[in-house]
Amino acid sequence: MMKTRHKGKILGIGSCIGIIAPATACADFDYTPGIELLHQWGYKTKISKTLKTNEGYLAGSDKLRASELNKFFADDEVDAILCFGGGYGCTRILDLLDYDLIRKHPKLLIGFSDVTALHTAIGQNSRLVTIHGPMLKTLSRKPTQYTISSFCRGLRMSVPLGAFPLPKKHDLESFYPGRAFGKLIGGNLSVITSLCGTPYELKGENSILFLEDIGEDAYAIDRMLRQLWQNGLLKDIKGLIFGNFSHCQPNKQEPYEFTVKEVLQQYANLAKVPTIYNFPAGHERTNAFLPLGVNATINITDDNINFFISEAHCKLR
């Protein structure tokens, strides 16, 4: 029997978005352009003290960052939670989160990169649908029109996203054909690998796994994917989606090297599940709003590559 997944509500004009830095400190970053965008779209904002605090490279102590996240979930004035940025630090607060409280106060939690640790832990322990998507830092750095439209559309839809919209002239590639149906999970490959062997290890049974990363060499990506194969994650999934692997080298053939693309292809062949490559999500200006914890379908034939989200990621007010 499938357990209930908890969902936040759609946002409308006047809804309040809470902004929190759960990982790396904001330092001297100017995030006012992102705040102004949110206000232009008709949203109110509430800023966590973590955006104005630092402890070493972190946005305050572990206790502060965890308590602020717990507080924002409990705050009835906050309708959704947008992370400032990633970096590092989310794994340090997983033991301090109140998963029962979060489950009882479901809200859209939006972020990517290091925020993958929150998506994984909260998704599994609170059964909450979360969003892999642009953060305040992204919105402050001239995001593409696709990123903006995908983000705004996702915040306001209480029905399934359906056939996933792609940027203009953006083509998906197939690494392995077939049809797969399952719950969408995943995020940053490095973070998911770091959770292996912990209580927050990602479970992939009957799921479609999305992966992306930045700044990793092909051999390191190979090593991480091998770990996910050996721990069973890649053996349990029904489908696989590779997003952006930004600044990952080599991306062209060199002597005595596999390219990043070749490494990814090897693991698609090993897992033998329908696999999409070049999905527009990850560490690029173009970054899709991608719900995690909802049902989705991959359908790859000789003629078409289709990705379809068949379950709503949020609810009406």
C-alpha atoms as a PDB file:
ATOM      1  CA  MET A   1       0.000   0.000   0.000  1.00  0.00           C
ATOM      2  CA  MET A   2       1.423   3.386  -1.032  1.00  0.00           C
ATOM      3  CA  LYS A   3       1.853   5.836   1.831  1.00  0.00           C
ATOM      4  CA  THR A   4       0.412   9.322   1.521  1.00  0.00           C
ATOM      5  CA  ARG A   5       2.692  12.002   0.119  1.00  0.00           C
ATOM      6  CA  HIS A   6       2.274  15.399   1.720  1.00  0.00           C
ATOM      7  CA  LYS A   7       2.105  18.479  -0.498  1.00  0.00           C
ATOM      8  CA  GLY A   8       2.293  22.203  -0.036  1.00  0.00           C
ATOM      9  CA  LYS A   9      -0.280  24.558  -1.510  1.00  0.00           C
ATOM     10  CA  ILE A  10      -0.123  26.576  -4.708  1.00  0.00           C
ATOM     11  CA  LEU A  11       0.997  30.184  -4.473  1.00  0.00           C
ATOM     12  CA  GLY A  12      -1.114  33.149  -5.515  1.00  0.00           C
ATOM     13  CA  ILE A  13      -0.752  36.891  -5.485  1.00  0.00           C
ATOM     14  CA  GLY A  14       0.160  37.915  -1.941  1.00  0.00           C
ATOM     15  CA  SER A  15       1.535  34.511  -0.906  1.00  0.00           C
ATOM     16  CA  CYS A  16       4.628  34.650   1.274  1.00  0.00           C
ATOM     17  CA  ILE A  17       7.886  32.923   0.318  1.00  0.00           C
ATOM     18  CA  GLY A  18      10.303  32.330   3.162  1.00  0.00           C
ATOM     19  CA  ILE A  19      13.977  32.649   2.192  1.00  0.00           C
ATOM     20  CA  ILE A  20      16.548  30.602   4.112  1.00  0.00           C
ATOM     21  CA  ALA A  21      20.251  29.800   3.704  1.00  0.00           C
ATOM     22  CA  PRO A  22      20.542  26.180   4.911  1.00  0.00           C
ATOM     23  CA  ALA A  23      24.144  25.685   3.819  1.00  0.00           C
ATOM     24  CA  THR A  24      26.903  28.100   2.712  1.00  0.00           C
ATOM     25  CA  ALA A  25      26.934  31.678   3.978  1.00  0.00           C
ATOM     26  CA  CYS A  26      25.653  34.482   1.750  1.00  0.00           C
ATOM     27  CA  ALA A  27      28.757  36.572   2.536  1.00  0.00           C
ATOM     28  CA  ASP A  28      28.637  39.764   0.418  1.00  0.00           C
ATOM     29  CA  PHE A  29      26.367  38.370  -2.307  1.00  0.00           C
ATOM     30  CA  ASP A  30      23.761  40.876  -3.520  1.00  0.00           C
ATOM     31  CA  TYR A  31      20.482  38.966  -3.606  1.00  0.00           C
ATOM     32  CA  THR A  32      18.242  42.022  -3.969  1.00  0.00           C
ATOM     33  CA  PRO A  33      17.604  41.371  -7.714  1.00  0.00           C
ATOM     34  CA  GLY A  34      16.077  37.995  -6.799  1.00  0.00           C
ATOM     35  CA  ILE A  35      13.937  39.511  -4.055  1.00  0.00           C
ATOM     36  CA  GLU A  36      12.756  42.205  -6.453  1.00  0.00           C
ATOM     37  CA  LEU A  37      11.766  39.567  -9.002  1.00  0.00           C
ATOM     38  CA  LEU A  38       9.668  37.716  -6.422  1.00  0.00           C
ATOM     39  CA  HIS A  39       7.978  40.980  -5.438  1.00  0.00           C
ATOM     40  CA  GLN A  40       7.313  41.849  -9.110  1.00  0.00           C
ATOM     41  CA  TRP A  41       5.546  38.492  -9.448  1.00  0.00           C
ATOM     42  CA  GLY A  42       3.244  39.473  -6.578  1.00  0.00           C
ATOM     43  CA  TYR A  43       4.805  37.510  -3.711  1.00  0.00           C
ATOM     44  CA  LYS A  44       5.719  38.687  -0.262  1.00  0.00           C
ATOM     45  CA  THR A  45       9.005  37.515   1.263  1.00  0.00           C
ATOM     46  CA  LYS A  46      10.226  36.722   4.752  1.00  0.00           C
ATOM     47  CA  ILE A  47      13.989  36.605   5.202  1.00  0.00           C
ATOM     48  CA  SER A  48      15.660  34.197   7.619  1.00  0.00           C
ATOM     49  CA  LYS A  49      18.420  35.490   9.856  1.00  0.00           C
ATOM     50  CA  THR A  50      20.668  32.891   8.189  1.00  0.00           C
ATOM     51  CA  LEU A  51      21.026  35.255   5.209  1.00  0.00           C
ATOM     52  CA  LYS A  52      22.759  37.726   7.494  1.00  0.00           C
ATOM     53  CA  THR A  53      24.787  35.291   9.588  1.00  0.00           C
ATOM     54  CA  ASN A  54      27.973  33.372   9.010  1.00  0.00           C
ATOM     55  CA  GLU A  55      30.038  30.896  10.986  1.00  0.00           C
ATOM     56  CA  GLY A  56      33.091  30.036   8.959  1.00  0.00           C
ATOM     57  CA  TYR A  57      31.801  29.073   5.510  1.00  0.00           C
ATOM     58  CA  LEU A  58      28.323  28.295   6.867  1.00  0.00           C
ATOM     59  CA  ALA A  59      25.258  30.548   7.156  1.00  0.00           C
ATOM     60  CA  GLY A  60      25.340  30.311  10.932  1.00  0.00           C
ATOM     61  CA  SER A  61      25.665  27.359  13.273  1.00  0.00           C
ATOM     62  CA  ASP A  62      24.073  24.000  12.531  1.00  0.00           C
ATOM     63  CA  LYS A  63      21.607  24.637  15.350  1.00  0.00           C
ATOM     64  CA  LEU A  64      20.601  28.015  13.910  1.00  0.00           C
ATOM     65  CA  ARG A  65      20.156  26.792  10.334  1.00  0.00           C
ATOM     66  CA  ALA A  66      18.105  23.783  11.451  1.00  0.00           C
ATOM     67  CA  SER A  67      15.959  25.798  13.850  1.00  0.00           C
ATOM     68  CA  GLU A  68      15.274  28.416  11.160  1.00  0.00           C
ATOM     69  CA  LEU A  69      14.153  25.743   8.715  1.00  0.00           C
ATOM     70  CA  ASN A  70      11.941  24.126  11.361  1.00  0.00           C
ATOM     71  CA  LYS A  71      10.557  27.557  12.237  1.00  0.00           C
ATOM     72  CA  PHE A  72       9.743  28.427   8.621  1.00  0.00           C
ATOM     73  CA  PHE A  73       7.847  25.176   8.192  1.00  0.00           C
ATOM     74  CA  ALA A  74       5.875  25.884  11.382  1.00  0.00           C
ATOM     75  CA  ASP A  75       5.199  29.538  10.463  1.00  0.00           C
ATOM     76  CA  ASP A  76       1.644  29.859   9.129  1.00  0.00           C
ATOM     77  CA  GLU A  77       2.560  33.128   7.397  1.00  0.00           C
ATOM     78  CA  VAL A  78       5.074  31.313   5.164  1.00  0.00           C
ATOM     79  CA  ASP A  79       3.500  29.550   2.184  1.00  0.00           C
ATOM     80  CA  ALA A  80       6.663  28.152   0.550  1.00  0.00           C
ATOM     81  CA  ILE A  81      10.368  27.991   1.352  1.00  0.00           C
ATOM     82  CA  LEU A  82      13.031  29.041  -1.155  1.00  0.00           C
ATOM     83  CA  CYS A  83      16.668  28.320  -0.395  1.00  0.00           C
ATOM     84  CA  PHE A  84      19.223  31.063  -0.962  1.00  0.00           C
ATOM     85  CA  GLY A  85      21.885  28.737  -2.374  1.00  0.00           C
ATOM     86  CA  GLY A  86      23.756  25.503  -1.943  1.00  0.00           C
ATOM     87  CA  GLY A  87      27.473  25.043  -1.439  1.00  0.00           C
ATOM     88  CA  TYR A  88      27.856  22.852   1.617  1.00  0.00           C
ATOM     89  CA  GLY A  89      26.175  22.396   4.967  1.00  0.00           C
ATOM     90  CA  CYS A  90      22.773  20.732   4.554  1.00  0.00           C
ATOM     91  CA  THR A  91      24.007  17.288   5.604  1.00  0.00           C
ATOM     92  CA  ARG A  92      25.154  18.814   8.900  1.00  0.00           C
ATOM     93  CA  ILE A  93      21.599  19.721   9.938  1.00  0.00           C
ATOM     94  CA  LEU A  94      19.721  16.533   8.974  1.00  0.00           C
ATOM     95  CA  ASP A  95      19.880  15.138  12.518  1.00  0.00           C
ATOM     96  CA  LEU A  96      18.420  18.397  13.887  1.00  0.00           C
ATOM     97  CA  LEU A  97      15.310  18.668  11.729  1.00  0.00           C
ATOM     98  CA  ASP A  98      11.845  17.983  13.160  1.00  0.00           C
ATOM     99  CA  TYR A  99      10.447  15.634  10.509  1.00  0.00           C
ATOM    100  CA  ASP A 100       7.106  15.220  12.296  1.00  0.00           C
ATOM    101  CA  LEU A 101       6.616  18.993  12.370  1.00  0.00           C
ATOM    102  CA  ILE A 102       7.570  19.259   8.691  1.00  0.00           C
ATOM    103  CA  ARG A 103       5.110  16.517   7.767  1.00  0.00           C
ATOM    104  CA  LYS A 104       2.316  18.328   9.614  1.00  0.00           C
ATOM    105  CA  HIS A 105       3.093  21.667   7.888  1.00  0.00           C
ATOM    106  CA  PRO A 106       3.768  20.718   4.252  1.00  0.00           C
ATOM    107  CA  LYS A 107       5.149  23.477   2.028  1.00  0.00           C
ATOM    108  CA  LEU A 108       7.023  23.655  -1.240  1.00  0.00           C
ATOM    109  CA  LEU A 109      10.741  23.511  -0.413  1.00  0.00           C
ATOM    110  CA  ILE A 110      12.714  24.731  -3.421  1.00  0.00           C
ATOM    111  CA  GLY A 111      16.421  24.388  -4.178  1.00  0.00           C
ATOM    112  CA  PHE A 112      19.112  22.264  -5.789  1.00  0.00           C
ATOM    113  CA  SER A 113      22.784  21.308  -5.423  1.00  0.00           C
ATOM    114  CA  ASP A 114      23.536  20.819  -1.695  1.00  0.00           C
ATOM    115  CA  VAL A 115      19.797  21.167  -0.983  1.00  0.00           C
ATOM    116  CA  THR A 116      19.576  17.622  -2.407  1.00  0.00           C
ATOM    117  CA  ALA A 117      20.322  16.457   1.150  1.00  0.00           C
ATOM    118  CA  LEU A 118      17.132  18.171   2.350  1.00  0.00           C
ATOM    119  CA  HIS A 119      15.101  16.822  -0.563  1.00  0.00           C
ATOM    120  CA  THR A 120      16.255  13.305   0.250  1.00  0.00           C
ATOM    121  CA  ALA A 121      15.883  13.376   4.047  1.00  0.00           C
ATOM    122  CA  ILE A 122      12.593  15.300   4.106  1.00  0.00           C
ATOM    123  CA  GLY A 123      11.222  13.326   1.161  1.00  0.00           C
ATOM    124  CA  GLN A 124      11.847  10.021   2.917  1.00  0.00           C
ATOM    125  CA  ASN A 125      11.270  10.958   6.570  1.00  0.00           C
ATOM    126  CA  SER A 126       8.384  13.415   6.157  1.00  0.00           C
ATOM    127  CA  ARG A 127       6.950  12.018   2.897  1.00  0.00           C
ATOM    128  CA  LEU A 128       6.987  15.569   1.547  1.00  0.00           C
ATOM    129  CA  VAL A 129       6.983  16.476  -2.145  1.00  0.00           C
ATOM    130  CA  THR A 130       9.809  18.983  -2.717  1.00  0.00           C
ATOM    131  CA  ILE A 131      11.122  20.936  -5.708  1.00  0.00           C
ATOM    132  CA  HIS A 132      14.486  20.677  -7.428  1.00  0.00           C
ATOM    133  CA  GLY A 133      14.665  24.140  -8.906  1.00  0.00           C
ATOM    134  CA  PRO A 134      16.134  27.650  -8.994  1.00  0.00           C
ATOM    135  CA  MET A 135      17.182  29.328  -5.757  1.00  0.00           C
ATOM    136  CA  LEU A 136      17.356  32.987  -4.758  1.00  0.00           C
ATOM    137  CA  LYS A 137      20.978  33.092  -5.893  1.00  0.00           C
ATOM    138  CA  THR A 138      19.873  31.788  -9.315  1.00  0.00           C
ATOM    139  CA  LEU A 139      17.087  34.357  -9.583  1.00  0.00           C
ATOM    140  CA  SER A 140      19.567  37.131  -8.778  1.00  0.00           C
ATOM    141  CA  ARG A 141      21.866  36.210 -11.696  1.00  0.00           C
ATOM    142  CA  LYS A 142      19.738  36.913 -14.780  1.00  0.00           C
ATOM    143  CA  PRO A 143      18.025  33.533 -15.182  1.00  0.00           C
ATOM    144  CA  THR A 144      16.847  32.561 -18.653  1.00  0.00           C
ATOM    145  CA  GLN A 145      13.256  33.110 -19.698  1.00  0.00           C
ATOM    146  CA  TYR A 146      12.708  29.351 -19.604  1.00  0.00           C
ATOM    147  CA  THR A 147      13.899  29.199 -15.986  1.00  0.00           C
ATOM    148  CA  ILE A 148      11.558  32.023 -15.011  1.00  0.00           C
ATOM    149  CA  SER A 149       8.529  30.639 -16.846  1.00  0.00           C
ATOM    150  CA  SER A 150       9.133  27.105 -15.522  1.00  0.00           C
ATOM    151  CA  PHE A 151       9.508  28.438 -11.975  1.00  0.00           C
ATOM    152  CA  CYS A 152       6.402  30.655 -12.058  1.00  0.00           C
ATOM    153  CA  ARG A 153       4.297  27.971 -13.730  1.00  0.00           C
ATOM    154  CA  GLY A 154       5.308  25.419 -11.118  1.00  0.00           C
ATOM    155  CA  LEU A 155       4.410  27.646  -8.174  1.00  0.00           C
ATOM    156  CA  ARG A 156       0.889  28.203  -9.476  1.00  0.00           C
ATOM    157  CA  MET A 157      -0.176  24.764 -10.736  1.00  0.00           C
ATOM    158  CA  SER A 158      -2.318  22.407  -8.667  1.00  0.00           C
ATOM    159  CA  VAL A 159      -2.664  19.934 -11.544  1.00  0.00           C
ATOM    160  CA  PRO A 160       0.045  17.620 -12.920  1.00  0.00           C
ATOM    161  CA  LEU A 161       2.692  19.312 -15.080  1.00  0.00           C
ATOM    162  CA  GLY A 162       2.015  16.702 -17.762  1.00  0.00           C
ATOM    163  CA  ALA A 163       4.323  16.521 -20.785  1.00  0.00           C
ATOM    164  CA  PHE A 164       7.409  18.298 -19.516  1.00  0.00           C
ATOM    165  CA  PRO A 165       8.062  21.566 -21.367  1.00  0.00           C
ATOM    166  CA  LEU A 166      11.585  22.052 -22.733  1.00  0.00           C
ATOM    167  CA  PRO A 167      13.510  25.187 -23.720  1.00  0.00           C
ATOM    168  CA  LYS A 168      13.337  26.159 -27.373  1.00  0.00           C
ATOM    169  CA  LYS A 169      15.712  24.184 -29.597  1.00  0.00           C
ATOM    170  CA  HIS A 170      16.623  21.898 -26.700  1.00  0.00           C
ATOM    171  CA  ASP A 171      16.747  18.239 -27.638  1.00  0.00           C
ATOM    172  CA  LEU A 172      16.807  15.326 -25.236  1.00  0.00           C
ATOM    173  CA  GLU A 173      18.954  12.312 -26.017  1.00  0.00           C
ATOM    174  CA  SER A 174      18.294   8.641 -25.357  1.00  0.00           C
ATOM    175  CA  PHE A 175      20.865   6.374 -23.715  1.00  0.00           C
ATOM    176  CA  TYR A 176      18.585   3.364 -23.314  1.00  0.00           C
ATOM    177  CA  PRO A 177      15.105   2.777 -24.758  1.00  0.00           C
ATOM    178  CA  GLY A 178      11.876   1.654 -23.123  1.00  0.00           C
ATOM    179  CA  ARG A 179       9.078   2.827 -20.849  1.00  0.00           C
ATOM    180  CA  ALA A 180       9.354   3.467 -17.111  1.00  0.00           C
ATOM    181  CA  PHE A 181       6.894   4.630 -14.476  1.00  0.00           C
ATOM    182  CA  GLY A 182       7.787   5.592 -10.925  1.00  0.00           C
ATOM    183  CA  LYS A 183       8.296   8.231  -8.269  1.00  0.00           C
ATOM    184  CA  LEU A 184      10.767  10.930  -9.294  1.00  0.00           C
ATOM    185  CA  ILE A 185      13.747  11.217  -6.911  1.00  0.00           C
ATOM    186  CA  GLY A 186      17.310  12.481  -6.932  1.00  0.00           C
ATOM    187  CA  GLY A 187      19.337  15.634  -7.417  1.00  0.00           C
ATOM    188  CA  ASN A 188      23.050  16.233  -7.064  1.00  0.00           C
ATOM    189  CA  LEU A 189      25.159  13.111  -7.599  1.00  0.00           C
ATOM    190  CA  SER A 190      27.917  14.092  -5.145  1.00  0.00           C
ATOM    191  CA  VAL A 191      25.436  14.792  -2.351  1.00  0.00           C
ATOM    192  CA  ILE A 192      23.462  11.602  -2.964  1.00  0.00           C
ATOM    193  CA  THR A 193      26.705   9.608  -2.830  1.00  0.00           C
ATOM    194  CA  SER A 194      27.708  11.327   0.421  1.00  0.00           C
ATOM    195  CA  LEU A 195      24.494  10.038   2.033  1.00  0.00           C
ATOM    196  CA  CYS A 196      25.329   6.392   1.315  1.00  0.00           C
ATOM    197  CA  GLY A 197      25.708   4.416   4.539  1.00  0.00           C
ATOM    198  CA  THR A 198      23.838   7.025   6.608  1.00  0.00           C
ATOM    199  CA  PRO A 199      20.249   6.952   7.905  1.00  0.00           C
ATOM    200  CA  TYR A 200      19.407   9.362   5.049  1.00  0.00           C
ATOM    201  CA  GLU A 201      20.624   7.151   2.212  1.00  0.00           C
ATOM    202  CA  LEU A 202      18.419   7.537  -0.869  1.00  0.00           C
ATOM    203  CA  LYS A 203      16.155   4.562  -1.600  1.00  0.00           C
ATOM    204  CA  GLY A 204      15.274   3.944  -5.231  1.00  0.00           C
ATOM    205  CA  GLU A 205      12.693   1.174  -5.319  1.00  0.00           C
ATOM    206  CA  ASN A 206      10.102   1.780  -8.065  1.00  0.00           C
ATOM    207  CA  SER A 207      11.576   5.215  -8.797  1.00  0.00           C
ATOM    208  CA  ILE A 208      12.928   7.324 -11.647  1.00  0.00           C
ATOM    209  CA  LEU A 209      16.291   8.763 -10.615  1.00  0.00           C
ATOM    210  CA  PHE A 210      17.410  12.228 -11.725  1.00  0.00           C
ATOM    211  CA  LEU A 211      21.116  13.120 -11.409  1.00  0.00           C
ATOM    212  CA  GLU A 212      23.230  16.220 -12.113  1.00  0.00           C
ATOM    213  CA  ASP A 213      26.584  17.606 -10.963  1.00  0.00           C
ATOM    214  CA  ILE A 214      29.211  20.288 -11.398  1.00  0.00           C
ATOM    215  CA  GLY A 215      32.999  20.421 -11.505  1.00  0.00           C
ATOM    216  CA  GLU A 216      33.671  16.680 -11.366  1.00  0.00           C
ATOM    217  CA  ASP A 217      36.083  14.739 -13.572  1.00  0.00           C
ATOM    218  CA  ALA A 218      34.849  11.702 -15.475  1.00  0.00           C
ATOM    219  CA  TYR A 219      36.704   9.275 -13.219  1.00  0.00           C
ATOM    220  CA  ALA A 220      35.081  10.824 -10.120  1.00  0.00           C
ATOM    221  CA  ILE A 221      31.623  10.551 -11.693  1.00  0.00           C
ATOM    222  CA  ASP A 222      32.460   6.936 -12.557  1.00  0.00           C
ATOM    223  CA  ARG A 223      33.476   6.268  -8.945  1.00  0.00           C
ATOM    224  CA  MET A 224      30.284   7.787  -7.547  1.00  0.00           C
ATOM    225  CA  LEU A 225      28.018   5.946  -9.970  1.00  0.00           C
ATOM    226  CA  ARG A 226      29.858   2.721  -9.190  1.00  0.00           C
ATOM    227  CA  GLN A 227      29.110   3.289  -5.510  1.00  0.00           C
ATOM    228  CA  LEU A 228      25.419   3.812  -6.308  1.00  0.00           C
ATOM    229  CA  TRP A 229      25.493   0.592  -8.313  1.00  0.00           C
ATOM    230  CA  GLN A 230      27.206  -1.363  -5.553  1.00  0.00           C
ATOM    231  CA  ASN A 231      24.934  -0.035  -2.792  1.00  0.00           C
ATOM    232  CA  GLY A 232      21.896  -1.105  -4.844  1.00  0.00           C
ATOM    233  CA  LEU A 233      20.360   2.246  -5.800  1.00  0.00           C
ATOM    234  CA  LEU A 234      20.954   1.864  -9.533  1.00  0.00           C
ATOM    235  CA  LYS A 235      19.712  -1.728  -9.366  1.00  0.00           C
ATOM    236  CA  ASP A 236      16.371  -0.690  -7.826  1.00  0.00           C
ATOM    237  CA  ILE A 237      15.335   2.173 -10.116  1.00  0.00           C
ATOM    238  CA  LYS A 238      12.937   1.918 -13.055  1.00  0.00           C
ATOM    239  CA  GLY A 239      14.302   4.845 -15.073  1.00  0.00           C
ATOM    240  CA  LEU A 240      17.189   7.317 -15.181  1.00  0.00           C
ATOM    241  CA  ILE A 241      17.507  10.990 -16.142  1.00  0.00           C
ATOM    242  CA  PHE A 242      20.847  12.763 -16.524  1.00  0.00           C
ATOM    243  CA  GLY A 243      20.655  16.537 -16.272  1.00  0.00           C
ATOM    244  CA  ASN A 244      23.467  19.057 -16.627  1.00  0.00           C
ATOM    245  CA  PHE A 245      26.990  17.947 -15.784  1.00  0.00           C
ATOM    246  CA  SER A 246      28.458  21.431 -15.806  1.00  0.00           C
ATOM    247  CA  HIS A 247      32.217  22.006 -16.016  1.00  0.00           C
ATOM    248  CA  CYS A 248      32.742  18.258 -15.838  1.00  0.00           C
ATOM    249  CA  GLN A 249      35.744  17.068 -17.847  1.00  0.00           C
ATOM    250  CA  PRO A 250      36.633  15.744 -20.301  1.00  0.00           C
ATOM    251  CA  ASN A 251      33.730  16.517 -22.603  1.00  0.00           C
ATOM    252  CA  LYS A 252      35.651  15.538 -25.741  1.00  0.00           C
ATOM    253  CA  GLN A 253      37.760  12.520 -26.531  1.00  0.00           C
ATOM    254  CA  GLU A 254      41.284  12.531 -25.114  1.00  0.00           C
ATOM    255  CA  PRO A 255      43.948   9.783 -25.021  1.00  0.00           C
ATOM    256  CA  TYR A 256      43.410   7.263 -22.226  1.00  0.00           C
ATOM    257  CA  GLU A 257      40.204   8.958 -21.081  1.00  0.00           C
ATOM    258  CA  PHE A 258      36.464   8.371 -21.099  1.00  0.00           C
ATOM    259  CA  THR A 259      34.359  11.459 -21.700  1.00  0.00           C
ATOM    260  CA  VAL A 260      31.733  12.292 -19.072  1.00  0.00           C
ATOM    261  CA  LYS A 261      29.050  11.348 -21.573  1.00  0.00           C
ATOM    262  CA  GLU A 262      30.656   7.952 -22.154  1.00  0.00           C
ATOM    263  CA  VAL A 263      30.729   7.255 -18.409  1.00  0.00           C
ATOM    264  CA  LEU A 264      27.046   8.126 -18.068  1.00  0.00           C
ATOM    265  CA  GLN A 265      26.223   5.911 -21.048  1.00  0.00           C
ATOM    266  CA  GLN A 266      28.087   2.998 -19.423  1.00  0.00           C
ATOM    267  CA  TYR A 267      25.884   3.169 -16.327  1.00  0.00           C
ATOM    268  CA  ALA A 268      22.697   3.457 -18.370  1.00  0.00           C
ATOM    269  CA  ASN A 269      23.751   0.261 -20.107  1.00  0.00           C
ATOM    270  CA  LEU A 270      24.578  -1.353 -16.764  1.00  0.00           C
ATOM    271  CA  ALA A 271      21.258  -0.408 -15.146  1.00  0.00           C
ATOM    272  CA  LYS A 272      19.356  -1.394 -18.301  1.00  0.00           C
ATOM    273  CA  VAL A 273      16.551   1.096 -17.643  1.00  0.00           C
ATOM    274  CA  PRO A 274      15.084   3.777 -19.930  1.00  0.00           C
ATOM    275  CA  THR A 275      17.521   6.691 -19.719  1.00  0.00           C
ATOM    276  CA  ILE A 276      17.279  10.341 -20.806  1.00  0.00           C
ATOM    277  CA  TYR A 277      20.391  12.494 -21.278  1.00  0.00           C
ATOM    278  CA  ASN A 278      20.683  16.294 -21.550  1.00  0.00           C
ATOM    279  CA  PHE A 279      17.711  17.165 -19.344  1.00  0.00           C
ATOM    280  CA  PRO A 280      17.614  20.961 -18.645  1.00  0.00           C
ATOM    281  CA  ALA A 281      18.158  20.915 -14.886  1.00  0.00           C
ATOM    282  CA  GLY A 282      21.253  21.462 -12.778  1.00  0.00           C
ATOM    283  CA  HIS A 283      23.975  24.075 -12.381  1.00  0.00           C
ATOM    284  CA  GLU A 284      23.140  26.224 -15.408  1.00  0.00           C
ATOM    285  CA  ARG A 285      21.194  29.455 -15.945  1.00  0.00           C
ATOM    286  CA  THR A 286      18.555  27.303 -17.592  1.00  0.00           C
ATOM    287  CA  ASN A 287      17.208  25.206 -14.719  1.00  0.00           C
ATOM    288  CA  ALA A 288      13.805  23.541 -14.754  1.00  0.00           C
ATOM    289  CA  PHE A 289      11.272  23.424 -11.927  1.00  0.00           C
ATOM    290  CA  LEU A 290      11.301  19.673 -11.219  1.00  0.00           C
ATOM    291  CA  PRO A 291       9.017  18.155  -8.540  1.00  0.00           C
ATOM    292  CA  LEU A 292      10.498  15.301  -6.502  1.00  0.00           C
ATOM    293  CA  GLY A 293       8.266  12.677  -4.911  1.00  0.00           C
ATOM    294  CA  VAL A 294       5.589  12.644  -7.621  1.00  0.00           C
ATOM    295  CA  ASN A 295       4.820   9.987 -10.214  1.00  0.00           C
ATOM    296  CA  ALA A 296       6.393  10.387 -13.633  1.00  0.00           C
ATOM    297  CA  THR A 297       6.830   8.424 -16.852  1.00  0.00           C
ATOM    298  CA  ILE A 298       9.673   8.040 -19.341  1.00  0.00           C
ATOM    299  CA  ASN A 299       8.767   6.731 -22.776  1.00  0.00           C
ATOM    300  CA  ILE A 300      11.619   6.291 -25.269  1.00  0.00           C
ATOM    301  CA  THR A 301      10.993   4.852 -28.727  1.00  0.00           C
ATOM    302  CA  ASP A 302      12.933   4.996 -31.977  1.00  0.00           C
ATOM    303  CA  ASP A 303      11.068   8.183 -32.888  1.00  0.00           C
ATOM    304  CA  ASN A 304      10.408  10.019 -29.635  1.00  0.00           C
ATOM    305  CA  ILE A 305      11.741  10.785 -26.159  1.00  0.00           C
ATOM    306  CA  ASN A 306       8.950  11.750 -23.764  1.00  0.00           C
ATOM    307  CA  PHE A 307       9.000  12.682 -20.100  1.00  0.00           C
ATOM    308  CA  PHE A 308       5.624  13.091 -18.422  1.00  0.00           C
ATOM    309  CA  ILE A 309       4.698  14.082 -14.850  1.00  0.00           C
ATOM    310  CA  SER A 310       1.358  12.493 -14.033  1.00  0.00           C
ATOM    311  CA  GLU A 311       0.838  13.621 -10.427  1.00  0.00           C
ATOM    312  CA  ALA A 312       0.257  17.106  -9.023  1.00  0.00           C
ATOM    313  CA  HIS A 313       3.095  18.407  -6.852  1.00  0.00           C
ATOM    314  CA  CYS A 314       0.969  20.783  -4.758  1.00  0.00           C
ATOM    315  CA  LYS A 315      -2.631  21.268  -3.726  1.00  0.00           C
ATOM    316  CA  LEU A 316      -5.248  24.000  -3.838  1.00  0.00           C
ATOM    317  CA  ARG A 317      -5.445  26.310  -0.873  1.00  0.00           C
END
